[in-house]
N, C-alpha and C. Protein backbone atom coordinates (compact mmCIF):
# COMPACT_ATOMS: atom_id res chain seq x y z
N MET A 1 13.79 -4.41 1.54
CA MET A 1 13.23 -3.09 1.35
C MET A 1 14.14 -2.31 0.41
N ALA A 2 13.53 -1.70 -0.57
CA ALA A 2 14.28 -0.84 -1.48
C ALA A 2 13.66 0.54 -1.44
N GLY A 3 14.45 1.54 -1.38
CA GLY A 3 13.93 2.90 -1.39
C GLY A 3 14.80 3.77 -2.26
N TYR A 4 14.23 4.83 -2.79
CA TYR A 4 15.03 5.76 -3.56
C TYR A 4 14.41 7.15 -3.47
N TYR A 5 15.22 8.16 -3.77
CA TYR A 5 14.77 9.53 -3.71
C TYR A 5 14.28 9.97 -5.09
N THR A 6 13.18 10.69 -5.10
CA THR A 6 12.69 11.28 -6.34
C THR A 6 11.93 12.55 -5.99
N ASN A 7 12.18 13.62 -6.67
CA ASN A 7 11.53 14.90 -6.42
C ASN A 7 11.63 15.32 -4.95
N TYR A 8 12.76 15.08 -4.34
CA TYR A 8 13.06 15.44 -2.96
C TYR A 8 12.13 14.76 -1.94
N SER A 9 11.43 13.74 -2.35
CA SER A 9 10.59 12.98 -1.43
C SER A 9 11.16 11.57 -1.31
N LEU A 10 10.94 10.97 -0.19
CA LEU A 10 11.44 9.62 0.05
C LEU A 10 10.32 8.62 -0.18
N LEU A 11 10.56 7.68 -1.06
CA LEU A 11 9.59 6.63 -1.34
C LEU A 11 10.13 5.32 -0.80
N PHE A 12 9.27 4.56 -0.17
CA PHE A 12 9.64 3.24 0.31
C PHE A 12 8.75 2.22 -0.38
N PHE A 13 9.33 1.16 -0.86
CA PHE A 13 8.57 0.09 -1.49
C PHE A 13 8.80 -1.19 -0.71
N TRP A 14 7.75 -1.92 -0.45
CA TRP A 14 7.87 -3.21 0.19
C TRP A 14 7.08 -4.23 -0.61
N ARG A 15 7.68 -5.37 -0.85
CA ARG A 15 6.93 -6.50 -1.38
C ARG A 15 6.67 -7.39 -0.17
N ILE A 16 5.41 -7.61 0.11
CA ILE A 16 5.06 -8.31 1.34
C ILE A 16 4.16 -9.50 1.03
N LYS A 17 4.13 -10.40 1.94
CA LYS A 17 3.17 -11.49 1.91
C LYS A 17 2.15 -11.19 3.00
N VAL A 18 0.88 -11.38 2.71
CA VAL A 18 -0.17 -10.99 3.64
C VAL A 18 -1.02 -12.19 4.01
N CYS A 19 -1.89 -11.99 5.01
CA CYS A 19 -2.76 -13.05 5.50
C CYS A 19 -4.03 -13.11 4.66
N GLU A 20 -4.90 -14.04 5.01
CA GLU A 20 -6.18 -14.22 4.32
C GLU A 20 -6.90 -12.89 4.22
N PRO A 21 -7.68 -12.64 3.19
CA PRO A 21 -7.85 -13.40 1.97
C PRO A 21 -6.84 -13.04 0.88
N LEU A 22 -5.89 -12.18 1.18
CA LEU A 22 -4.87 -11.80 0.20
C LEU A 22 -3.67 -12.74 0.22
N GLN A 23 -3.77 -13.81 0.99
CA GLN A 23 -2.66 -14.75 1.11
C GLN A 23 -2.31 -15.35 -0.24
N GLY A 24 -1.02 -15.44 -0.51
CA GLY A 24 -0.54 -16.00 -1.75
C GLY A 24 -0.43 -14.97 -2.87
N ARG A 25 -0.85 -13.74 -2.62
CA ARG A 25 -0.76 -12.69 -3.62
C ARG A 25 0.42 -11.79 -3.27
N GLU A 26 1.11 -11.30 -4.29
CA GLU A 26 2.22 -10.38 -4.06
C GLU A 26 1.67 -8.97 -4.11
N ILE A 27 1.92 -8.21 -3.03
CA ILE A 27 1.42 -6.85 -2.90
C ILE A 27 2.62 -5.92 -2.72
N ILE A 28 2.61 -4.80 -3.43
CA ILE A 28 3.65 -3.78 -3.27
C ILE A 28 3.03 -2.63 -2.48
N ILE A 29 3.71 -2.22 -1.41
CA ILE A 29 3.26 -1.10 -0.56
C ILE A 29 4.24 0.05 -0.76
N GLU A 30 3.71 1.25 -0.95
CA GLU A 30 4.54 2.44 -1.14
C GLU A 30 4.10 3.52 -0.16
N PHE A 31 5.05 4.08 0.58
CA PHE A 31 4.80 5.20 1.49
C PHE A 31 5.42 6.45 0.87
N HIS A 32 4.60 7.49 0.70
CA HIS A 32 5.07 8.73 0.08
C HIS A 32 4.63 9.92 0.93
N PRO A 33 5.58 10.57 1.64
CA PRO A 33 5.20 11.72 2.46
C PRO A 33 4.84 12.93 1.60
N VAL A 34 3.71 13.56 1.93
CA VAL A 34 3.25 14.76 1.23
C VAL A 34 2.89 15.78 2.30
N GLY A 35 3.82 16.68 2.62
CA GLY A 35 3.58 17.66 3.69
C GLY A 35 3.36 16.97 5.01
N ASN A 36 2.22 17.25 5.65
CA ASN A 36 1.90 16.65 6.94
C ASN A 36 1.19 15.31 6.80
N TYR A 37 1.00 14.86 5.57
CA TYR A 37 0.30 13.62 5.33
C TYR A 37 1.23 12.58 4.70
N MET A 38 0.83 11.32 4.86
CA MET A 38 1.55 10.22 4.25
C MET A 38 0.57 9.55 3.29
N LYS A 39 0.95 9.47 2.02
CA LYS A 39 0.14 8.75 1.04
C LYS A 39 0.67 7.33 0.96
N VAL A 40 -0.20 6.37 1.13
CA VAL A 40 0.18 4.96 1.09
C VAL A 40 -0.55 4.31 -0.08
N SER A 41 0.21 3.72 -0.99
CA SER A 41 -0.36 3.02 -2.14
C SER A 41 -0.08 1.53 -1.98
N ALA A 42 -1.04 0.73 -2.38
CA ALA A 42 -0.88 -0.73 -2.39
C ALA A 42 -1.29 -1.23 -3.76
N MET A 43 -0.47 -2.12 -4.34
CA MET A 43 -0.77 -2.64 -5.66
C MET A 43 -0.66 -4.15 -5.66
N ASP A 44 -1.68 -4.79 -6.22
CA ASP A 44 -1.65 -6.23 -6.43
C ASP A 44 -0.90 -6.48 -7.73
N VAL A 45 0.19 -7.21 -7.66
CA VAL A 45 1.07 -7.40 -8.82
C VAL A 45 0.39 -8.19 -9.92
N GLU A 46 -0.40 -9.18 -9.57
CA GLU A 46 -1.03 -10.05 -10.57
C GLU A 46 -2.05 -9.30 -11.43
N THR A 47 -2.91 -8.49 -10.79
CA THR A 47 -3.98 -7.80 -11.52
C THR A 47 -3.65 -6.35 -11.84
N LEU A 48 -2.53 -5.85 -11.31
CA LEU A 48 -2.12 -4.45 -11.46
C LEU A 48 -3.17 -3.49 -10.91
N THR A 49 -3.93 -3.94 -9.92
CA THR A 49 -4.90 -3.10 -9.24
C THR A 49 -4.18 -2.29 -8.18
N GLU A 50 -4.37 -0.97 -8.20
CA GLU A 50 -3.69 -0.10 -7.24
C GLU A 50 -4.70 0.79 -6.52
N ILE A 51 -4.49 0.95 -5.23
CA ILE A 51 -5.32 1.84 -4.41
C ILE A 51 -4.39 2.75 -3.62
N SER A 52 -4.95 3.81 -3.04
CA SER A 52 -4.15 4.64 -2.14
C SER A 52 -5.02 5.15 -1.02
N VAL A 53 -4.40 5.34 0.13
CA VAL A 53 -5.04 5.93 1.31
C VAL A 53 -4.10 7.01 1.83
N GLN A 54 -4.65 7.91 2.63
CA GLN A 54 -3.84 8.97 3.22
C GLN A 54 -4.08 9.00 4.72
N GLY A 55 -3.06 9.45 5.44
CA GLY A 55 -3.15 9.60 6.88
C GLY A 55 -2.07 10.54 7.36
N PRO A 56 -2.07 10.84 8.65
CA PRO A 56 -1.05 11.74 9.19
C PRO A 56 0.34 11.13 9.08
N SER A 57 1.32 11.96 8.74
CA SER A 57 2.68 11.44 8.56
C SER A 57 3.29 10.98 9.88
N GLN A 58 2.80 11.51 11.00
CA GLN A 58 3.31 11.06 12.30
C GLN A 58 2.57 9.82 12.79
N GLY A 59 1.56 9.39 12.06
CA GLY A 59 0.80 8.20 12.45
C GLY A 59 1.62 6.94 12.30
N ALA A 60 1.12 5.87 12.88
CA ALA A 60 1.82 4.58 12.81
C ALA A 60 1.75 4.03 11.39
N LYS A 61 2.90 3.70 10.82
CA LYS A 61 2.94 3.15 9.46
C LYS A 61 2.22 1.82 9.39
N GLU A 62 2.24 1.07 10.47
CA GLU A 62 1.56 -0.23 10.49
C GLU A 62 0.06 -0.05 10.30
N THR A 63 -0.52 0.98 10.93
CA THR A 63 -1.95 1.26 10.78
C THR A 63 -2.27 1.70 9.36
N LEU A 64 -1.44 2.56 8.79
CA LEU A 64 -1.65 3.00 7.41
C LEU A 64 -1.55 1.83 6.45
N LYS A 65 -0.59 0.94 6.69
CA LYS A 65 -0.42 -0.24 5.84
C LYS A 65 -1.64 -1.15 5.94
N LYS A 66 -2.14 -1.35 7.15
CA LYS A 66 -3.31 -2.19 7.36
C LYS A 66 -4.53 -1.61 6.64
N ASN A 67 -4.71 -0.28 6.72
CA ASN A 67 -5.83 0.36 6.04
C ASN A 67 -5.72 0.23 4.53
N ALA A 68 -4.51 0.36 4.00
CA ALA A 68 -4.30 0.21 2.55
C ALA A 68 -4.61 -1.22 2.11
N LEU A 69 -4.18 -2.20 2.89
CA LEU A 69 -4.46 -3.60 2.54
C LEU A 69 -5.94 -3.91 2.60
N LYS A 70 -6.64 -3.34 3.58
CA LYS A 70 -8.09 -3.55 3.69
C LYS A 70 -8.81 -2.95 2.49
N ARG A 71 -8.38 -1.76 2.06
CA ARG A 71 -9.02 -1.14 0.89
C ARG A 71 -8.72 -1.96 -0.37
N LEU A 72 -7.49 -2.44 -0.52
CA LEU A 72 -7.15 -3.27 -1.68
C LEU A 72 -7.99 -4.55 -1.68
N GLU A 73 -8.15 -5.15 -0.52
CA GLU A 73 -8.98 -6.34 -0.40
C GLU A 73 -10.41 -6.04 -0.84
N TYR A 74 -10.96 -4.90 -0.40
CA TYR A 74 -12.31 -4.49 -0.78
C TYR A 74 -12.44 -4.34 -2.30
N VAL A 75 -11.48 -3.66 -2.92
CA VAL A 75 -11.53 -3.42 -4.37
C VAL A 75 -11.42 -4.74 -5.13
N LEU A 76 -10.53 -5.62 -4.71
CA LEU A 76 -10.38 -6.92 -5.39
C LEU A 76 -11.64 -7.76 -5.25
N LYS A 77 -12.30 -7.71 -4.08
CA LYS A 77 -13.56 -8.45 -3.90
C LYS A 77 -14.64 -7.86 -4.80
N LYS A 78 -14.67 -6.53 -4.88
CA LYS A 78 -15.69 -5.87 -5.70
C LYS A 78 -15.51 -6.22 -7.18
N LYS A 79 -14.26 -6.40 -7.61
CA LYS A 79 -13.96 -6.78 -9.00
C LYS A 79 -14.17 -8.28 -9.23
N GLY A 80 -14.35 -9.04 -8.15
CA GLY A 80 -14.55 -10.48 -8.28
C GLY A 80 -13.26 -11.27 -8.45
N VAL A 81 -12.14 -10.65 -8.09
CA VAL A 81 -10.84 -11.32 -8.22
C VAL A 81 -10.60 -12.29 -7.08
N ILE A 82 -11.03 -11.93 -5.88
CA ILE A 82 -10.87 -12.82 -4.72
C ILE A 82 -12.23 -13.10 -4.11
């Protein structure tokens, strides 16, 4: 995990391996707190496709991550990549 400060906000980046159907693809997850909300971005490294979802900052990060991955999966399927 690598993180750094920018504009007084804390950003976290994770390169993760995921299960089917995104298995074998490298995905970058970014958590960015914005007030009472957490913006979560997920990017597929191969296609440079990026999506973002928002949720409560006190919510479970695992749930936000799962929602971001599901949306990325949806977008990649819609584009015909997977």
